[in-house]
């Protein structure tokens, strides 16, 4: 009986064996699970902006710099960079190329970053100012926004954890700290005839 009990405890279940076989072997047609969705990198756009600024500082033309930094960018920014690079390579002026790229990204999750980049690129094309410094500042602003959001989430977690802790410790404090003192005082007052 003891050996049978040990064998049942140590023997892997069929579910665990199937799970391991599914991971190690080729996926089956009927039970294939889609891969889990990758979480978007909150600093992906900042790193893409840094790479774009570095390419511009190195002397690449805007179309080549946008195409070089596109693979590292989040999907919406990547599409806008590739769209602007294609239009610039075909000979479109910078203002219309970036305006079209921003219009294509409008309404999506990263549209504000694309609009900021397009606004800076259009301003640079009109004035002739260097775009590399402005794109570097855009990367810094994005990092600061991500840091502020992380700090806000951490502070909110600190506030939310206070409620359950209060609900756990307050009854214990009352039962172990206040009730014995009140019982001791009541025993002295009622049993001894006074506090003296």
C-alpha atoms as a PDB file:
ATOM      1  CA  UNK A   1       0.000   0.000   0.000  1.00  0.00           C
ATOM      2  CA  UNK A   2       2.820   2.363   0.889  1.00  0.00           C
ATOM      3  CA  UNK A   3       4.589   1.751  -2.419  1.00  0.00           C
ATOM      4  CA  UNK A   4       1.341   2.311  -4.346  1.00  0.00           C
ATOM      5  CA  UNK A   5       0.744   5.606  -2.499  1.00  0.00           C
ATOM      6  CA  UNK A   6       4.288   6.807  -3.264  1.00  0.00           C
ATOM      7  CA  UNK A   7       3.893   5.811  -6.932  1.00  0.00           C
ATOM      8  CA  UNK A   8       0.629   7.768  -7.220  1.00  0.00           C
ATOM      9  CA  UNK A   9       2.183  10.851  -5.631  1.00  0.00           C
ATOM     10  CA  UNK A  10       5.377  10.759  -7.696  1.00  0.00           C
ATOM     11  CA  UNK A  11       3.827   9.713 -11.028  1.00  0.00           C
ATOM     12  CA  UNK A  12       3.156  12.745 -13.231  1.00  0.00           C
ATOM     13  CA  UNK A  13      -0.427  13.310 -14.196  1.00  0.00           C
ATOM     14  CA  UNK A  14      -1.603  12.942 -17.760  1.00  0.00           C
ATOM     15  CA  UNK A  15      -2.203  16.675 -17.993  1.00  0.00           C
ATOM     16  CA  UNK A  16       1.395  17.468 -17.051  1.00  0.00           C
ATOM     17  CA  UNK A  17       2.727  14.884 -19.524  1.00  0.00           C
ATOM     18  CA  UNK A  18       0.558  16.298 -22.327  1.00  0.00           C
ATOM     19  CA  UNK A  19       1.648  19.826 -21.496  1.00  0.00           C
ATOM     20  CA  UNK A  20       5.326  18.833 -21.634  1.00  0.00           C
ATOM     21  CA  UNK A  21       4.814  16.899 -24.866  1.00  0.00           C
ATOM     22  CA  UNK A  22       3.039  19.873 -26.433  1.00  0.00           C
ATOM     23  CA  UNK A  23       5.915  22.184 -25.508  1.00  0.00           C
ATOM     24  CA  UNK A  24       8.645  19.795 -26.664  1.00  0.00           C
ATOM     25  CA  UNK A  25       6.973  18.304 -29.722  1.00  0.00           C
ATOM     26  CA  UNK A  26       5.483  19.821 -32.846  1.00  0.00           C
ATOM     27  CA  UNK A  27       2.093  21.450 -32.330  1.00  0.00           C
ATOM     28  CA  UNK A  28      -0.928  19.366 -33.186  1.00  0.00           C
ATOM     29  CA  UNK A  29      -3.464  20.628 -35.678  1.00  0.00           C
ATOM     30  CA  UNK A  30      -6.555  20.538 -33.458  1.00  0.00           C
ATOM     31  CA  UNK A  31      -5.180  21.719 -30.124  1.00  0.00           C
ATOM     32  CA  UNK A  32      -2.657  24.294 -31.280  1.00  0.00           C
ATOM     33  CA  UNK A  33      -2.670  27.289 -28.973  1.00  0.00           C
ATOM     34  CA  UNK A  34      -1.774  30.683 -30.354  1.00  0.00           C
ATOM     35  CA  UNK A  35       1.414  32.179 -28.932  1.00  0.00           C
ATOM     36  CA  UNK A  36       0.823  34.663 -26.141  1.00  0.00           C
ATOM     37  CA  UNK A  37       0.732  38.255 -27.296  1.00  0.00           C
ATOM     38  CA  UNK A  38       3.926  40.116 -26.607  1.00  0.00           C
ATOM     39  CA  UNK A  39       3.546  43.140 -24.406  1.00  0.00           C
ATOM     40  CA  UNK A  40       4.426  46.410 -26.012  1.00  0.00           C
ATOM     41  CA  UNK A  41       7.629  47.989 -24.750  1.00  0.00           C
ATOM     42  CA  UNK A  42       6.743  51.338 -23.171  1.00  0.00           C
ATOM     43  CA  UNK A  43      10.194  52.680 -24.039  1.00  0.00           C
ATOM     44  CA  UNK A  44      10.182  51.310 -27.591  1.00  0.00           C
ATOM     45  CA  UNK A  45       9.313  54.645 -29.138  1.00  0.00           C
ATOM     46  CA  UNK A  46      11.987  56.425 -27.079  1.00  0.00           C
ATOM     47  CA  UNK A  47      14.659  54.010 -28.317  1.00  0.00           C
ATOM     48  CA  UNK A  48      13.418  54.404 -31.898  1.00  0.00           C
ATOM     49  CA  UNK A  49      13.628  58.192 -31.530  1.00  0.00           C
ATOM     50  CA  UNK A  50      17.165  57.870 -30.147  1.00  0.00           C
ATOM     51  CA  UNK A  51      18.181  55.717 -33.096  1.00  0.00           C
ATOM     52  CA  UNK A  52      16.587  58.164 -35.532  1.00  0.00           C
ATOM     53  CA  UNK A  53      18.447  61.055 -33.900  1.00  0.00           C
ATOM     54  CA  UNK A  54      21.735  59.128 -34.040  1.00  0.00           C
ATOM     55  CA  UNK A  55      21.221  58.357 -37.732  1.00  0.00           C
ATOM     56  CA  UNK A  56      20.487  62.013 -38.455  1.00  0.00           C
ATOM     57  CA  UNK A  57      23.561  63.137 -36.496  1.00  0.00           C
ATOM     58  CA  UNK A  58      25.647  60.668 -38.490  1.00  0.00           C
ATOM     59  CA  UNK A  59      24.583  62.428 -41.676  1.00  0.00           C
ATOM     60  CA  UNK A  60      22.037  60.034 -43.150  1.00  0.00           C
ATOM     61  CA  UNK A  61      19.272  61.626 -45.169  1.00  0.00           C
ATOM     62  CA  UNK A  62      15.860  61.614 -43.508  1.00  0.00           C
ATOM     63  CA  UNK A  63      14.464  58.803 -45.687  1.00  0.00           C
ATOM     64  CA  UNK A  64      17.395  56.479 -44.897  1.00  0.00           C
ATOM     65  CA  UNK A  65      17.362  57.408 -41.197  1.00  0.00           C
ATOM     66  CA  UNK A  66      13.618  56.732 -40.932  1.00  0.00           C
ATOM     67  CA  UNK A  67      13.997  53.392 -42.703  1.00  0.00           C
ATOM     68  CA  UNK A  68      16.945  52.409 -40.457  1.00  0.00           C
ATOM     69  CA  UNK A  69      15.116  53.228 -37.223  1.00  0.00           C
ATOM     70  CA  UNK A  70      11.756  51.710 -38.234  1.00  0.00           C
ATOM     71  CA  UNK A  71      12.498  48.058 -37.264  1.00  0.00           C
ATOM     72  CA  UNK A  72      13.075  49.030 -33.619  1.00  0.00           C
ATOM     73  CA  UNK A  73       9.907  51.145 -33.341  1.00  0.00           C
ATOM     74  CA  UNK A  74       6.481  50.089 -32.042  1.00  0.00           C
ATOM     75  CA  UNK A  75       4.023  49.075 -34.805  1.00  0.00           C
ATOM     76  CA  UNK A  76       2.247  52.437 -35.277  1.00  0.00           C
ATOM     77  CA  UNK A  77       5.477  54.440 -35.280  1.00  0.00           C
ATOM     78  CA  UNK A  78       7.123  51.829 -37.529  1.00  0.00           C
ATOM     79  CA  UNK A  79       4.359  52.172 -40.100  1.00  0.00           C
ATOM     80  CA  UNK A  80       4.611  55.973 -40.018  1.00  0.00           C
ATOM     81  CA  UNK A  81       8.402  55.932 -40.381  1.00  0.00           C
ATOM     82  CA  UNK A  82       8.250  53.526 -43.307  1.00  0.00           C
ATOM     83  CA  UNK A  83       5.453  55.513 -44.950  1.00  0.00           C
ATOM     84  CA  UNK A  84       7.386  58.778 -44.630  1.00  0.00           C
ATOM     85  CA  UNK A  85      10.610  57.098 -45.815  1.00  0.00           C
ATOM     86  CA  UNK A  86       8.848  55.722 -48.888  1.00  0.00           C
ATOM     87  CA  UNK A  87       7.301  59.076 -49.731  1.00  0.00           C
ATOM     88  CA  UNK A  88      10.590  60.910 -49.209  1.00  0.00           C
ATOM     89  CA  UNK A  89      12.432  58.352 -51.363  1.00  0.00           C
ATOM     90  CA  UNK A  90       9.869  58.900 -54.133  1.00  0.00           C
ATOM     91  CA  UNK A  91      10.601  62.627 -54.062  1.00  0.00           C
ATOM     92  CA  UNK A  92       7.785  64.054 -51.960  1.00  0.00           C
ATOM     93  CA  UNK A  93       8.565  67.160 -49.950  1.00  0.00           C
ATOM     94  CA  UNK A  94       9.088  66.567 -46.220  1.00  0.00           C
ATOM     95  CA  UNK A  95       6.018  68.511 -45.107  1.00  0.00           C
ATOM     96  CA  UNK A  96       3.569  66.489 -47.199  1.00  0.00           C
ATOM     97  CA  UNK A  97       5.326  63.165 -46.503  1.00  0.00           C
ATOM     98  CA  UNK A  98       5.162  63.604 -42.730  1.00  0.00           C
ATOM     99  CA  UNK A  99       1.647  65.025 -42.918  1.00  0.00           C
ATOM    100  CA  UNK A 100       0.506  61.904 -44.777  1.00  0.00           C
ATOM    101  CA  UNK A 101       2.303  59.605 -42.313  1.00  0.00           C
ATOM    102  CA  UNK A 102       0.631  61.376 -39.368  1.00  0.00           C
ATOM    103  CA  UNK A 103      -2.771  61.194 -41.077  1.00  0.00           C
ATOM    104  CA  UNK A 104      -2.374  57.434 -41.590  1.00  0.00           C
ATOM    105  CA  UNK A 105      -1.541  56.943 -37.886  1.00  0.00           C
ATOM    106  CA  UNK A 106      -4.395  59.151 -36.603  1.00  0.00           C
ATOM    107  CA  UNK A 107      -6.757  57.403 -34.233  1.00  0.00           C
ATOM    108  CA  UNK A 108      -4.371  54.615 -33.233  1.00  0.00           C
ATOM    109  CA  UNK A 109      -2.648  54.066 -29.890  1.00  0.00           C
ATOM    110  CA  UNK A 110       0.688  55.710 -30.745  1.00  0.00           C
ATOM    111  CA  UNK A 111      -0.714  58.542 -32.865  1.00  0.00           C
ATOM    112  CA  UNK A 112       0.443  61.272 -30.477  1.00  0.00           C
ATOM    113  CA  UNK A 113       4.099  60.217 -30.840  1.00  0.00           C
ATOM    114  CA  UNK A 114       3.774  60.092 -34.622  1.00  0.00           C
ATOM    115  CA  UNK A 115       2.092  63.509 -34.650  1.00  0.00           C
ATOM    116  CA  UNK A 116       4.874  65.004 -32.511  1.00  0.00           C
ATOM    117  CA  UNK A 117       7.556  63.576 -34.798  1.00  0.00           C
ATOM    118  CA  UNK A 118       5.687  64.739 -37.911  1.00  0.00           C
ATOM    119  CA  UNK A 119       5.253  68.231 -36.478  1.00  0.00           C
ATOM    120  CA  UNK A 120       8.984  68.462 -35.727  1.00  0.00           C
ATOM    121  CA  UNK A 121       9.936  67.116 -39.151  1.00  0.00           C
ATOM    122  CA  UNK A 122       7.632  69.591 -40.925  1.00  0.00           C
ATOM    123  CA  UNK A 123       9.023  72.466 -38.836  1.00  0.00           C
ATOM    124  CA  UNK A 124      12.573  71.358 -39.596  1.00  0.00           C
ATOM    125  CA  UNK A 125      11.807  71.149 -43.308  1.00  0.00           C
ATOM    126  CA  UNK A 126      10.369  74.673 -43.330  1.00  0.00           C
ATOM    127  CA  UNK A 127      13.036  76.333 -41.183  1.00  0.00           C
ATOM    128  CA  UNK A 128      16.102  74.271 -42.051  1.00  0.00           C
ATOM    129  CA  UNK A 129      16.825  73.602 -38.366  1.00  0.00           C
ATOM    130  CA  UNK A 130      18.456  70.359 -37.294  1.00  0.00           C
ATOM    131  CA  UNK A 131      15.950  67.622 -36.602  1.00  0.00           C
ATOM    132  CA  UNK A 132      18.370  65.434 -34.621  1.00  0.00           C
ATOM    133  CA  UNK A 133      18.262  67.568 -31.465  1.00  0.00           C
ATOM    134  CA  UNK A 134      14.475  67.834 -31.571  1.00  0.00           C
ATOM    135  CA  UNK A 135      14.068  64.069 -31.995  1.00  0.00           C
ATOM    136  CA  UNK A 136      16.477  63.516 -29.083  1.00  0.00           C
ATOM    137  CA  UNK A 137      14.318  65.796 -26.934  1.00  0.00           C
ATOM    138  CA  UNK A 138      11.253  63.843 -28.047  1.00  0.00           C
ATOM    139  CA  UNK A 139      12.924  60.630 -26.824  1.00  0.00           C
ATOM    140  CA  UNK A 140      13.692  62.295 -23.484  1.00  0.00           C
ATOM    141  CA  UNK A 141      10.092  63.474 -23.139  1.00  0.00           C
ATOM    142  CA  UNK A 142       8.811  59.954 -23.868  1.00  0.00           C
ATOM    143  CA  UNK A 143      11.118  58.471 -21.205  1.00  0.00           C
ATOM    144  CA  UNK A 144       9.941  61.052 -18.667  1.00  0.00           C
ATOM    145  CA  UNK A 145       6.297  60.272 -19.482  1.00  0.00           C
ATOM    146  CA  UNK A 146       6.898  56.549 -18.965  1.00  0.00           C
ATOM    147  CA  UNK A 147       8.723  57.253 -15.687  1.00  0.00           C
ATOM    148  CA  UNK A 148       5.875  59.477 -14.461  1.00  0.00           C
ATOM    149  CA  UNK A 149       3.330  56.778 -15.309  1.00  0.00           C
ATOM    150  CA  UNK A 150       5.381  54.151 -13.451  1.00  0.00           C
ATOM    151  CA  UNK A 151       5.684  56.395 -10.378  1.00  0.00           C
ATOM    152  CA  UNK A 152       1.939  57.049 -10.441  1.00  0.00           C
ATOM    153  CA  UNK A 153       1.215  53.292 -10.599  1.00  0.00           C
ATOM    154  CA  UNK A 154       3.612  52.645  -7.696  1.00  0.00           C
ATOM    155  CA  UNK A 155       2.039  55.370  -5.570  1.00  0.00           C
ATOM    156  CA  UNK A 156      -1.442  54.065  -6.362  1.00  0.00           C
ATOM    157  CA  UNK A 157      -0.349  50.562  -5.316  1.00  0.00           C
ATOM    158  CA  UNK A 158       0.929  51.964  -2.016  1.00  0.00           C
ATOM    159  CA  UNK A 159      -2.420  53.604  -1.359  1.00  0.00           C
ATOM    160  CA  UNK A 160      -4.423  50.522  -2.362  1.00  0.00           C
ATOM    161  CA  UNK A 161      -2.396  48.234  -0.124  1.00  0.00           C
ATOM    162  CA  UNK A 162      -3.154  50.403   2.917  1.00  0.00           C
ATOM    163  CA  UNK A 163      -6.824  49.363   3.030  1.00  0.00           C
ATOM    164  CA  UNK A 164      -6.317  45.591   3.396  1.00  0.00           C
ATOM    165  CA  UNK A 165      -3.469  46.119   5.840  1.00  0.00           C
ATOM    166  CA  UNK A 166      -5.680  48.371   7.944  1.00  0.00           C
ATOM    167  CA  UNK A 167      -8.471  45.798   7.870  1.00  0.00           C
ATOM    168  CA  UNK A 168      -6.039  43.101   9.022  1.00  0.00           C
ATOM    169  CA  UNK A 169      -4.121  44.988  11.702  1.00  0.00           C
ATOM    170  CA  UNK A 170      -6.832  47.189  13.209  1.00  0.00           C
ATOM    171  CA  UNK A 171      -8.887  44.293  14.674  1.00  0.00           C
ATOM    172  CA  UNK A 172      -5.704  42.674  15.987  1.00  0.00           C
ATOM    173  CA  UNK A 173      -4.636  45.960  17.603  1.00  0.00           C
ATOM    174  CA  UNK A 174      -8.055  46.380  19.201  1.00  0.00           C
ATOM    175  CA  UNK A 175      -8.185  42.777  20.442  1.00  0.00           C
ATOM    176  CA  UNK A 176      -4.598  42.562  21.676  1.00  0.00           C
ATOM    177  CA  UNK A 177      -3.886  46.160  22.672  1.00  0.00           C
ATOM    178  CA  UNK A 178      -7.023  47.976  23.759  1.00  0.00           C
ATOM    179  CA  UNK A 179      -9.317  45.218  25.050  1.00  0.00           C
ATOM    180  CA  UNK A 180      -6.836  43.899  27.689  1.00  0.00           C
ATOM    181  CA  UNK A 181      -6.261  47.451  28.978  1.00  0.00           C
ATOM    182  CA  UNK A 182     -10.005  48.121  29.212  1.00  0.00           C
ATOM    183  CA  UNK A 183     -10.602  44.771  30.940  1.00  0.00           C
ATOM    184  CA  UNK A 184      -7.775  45.462  33.396  1.00  0.00           C
ATOM    185  CA  UNK A 185      -9.125  48.938  34.192  1.00  0.00           C
ATOM    186  CA  UNK A 186     -12.670  47.614  34.535  1.00  0.00           C
ATOM    187  CA  UNK A 187     -11.471  44.880  36.911  1.00  0.00           C
ATOM    188  CA  UNK A 188      -9.711  47.470  39.094  1.00  0.00           C
ATOM    189  CA  UNK A 189     -12.631  49.905  39.038  1.00  0.00           C
ATOM    190  CA  UNK A 190     -15.379  47.354  39.571  1.00  0.00           C
ATOM    191  CA  UNK A 191     -13.467  44.864  41.706  1.00  0.00           C
ATOM    192  CA  UNK A 192     -11.403  47.107  43.950  1.00  0.00           C
ATOM    193  CA  UNK A 193     -13.850  49.930  44.454  1.00  0.00           C
ATOM    194  CA  UNK A 194     -11.847  52.599  42.615  1.00  0.00           C
ATOM    195  CA  UNK A 195      -8.574  53.466  41.027  1.00  0.00           C
ATOM    196  CA  UNK A 196      -6.872  54.413  44.309  1.00  0.00           C
END
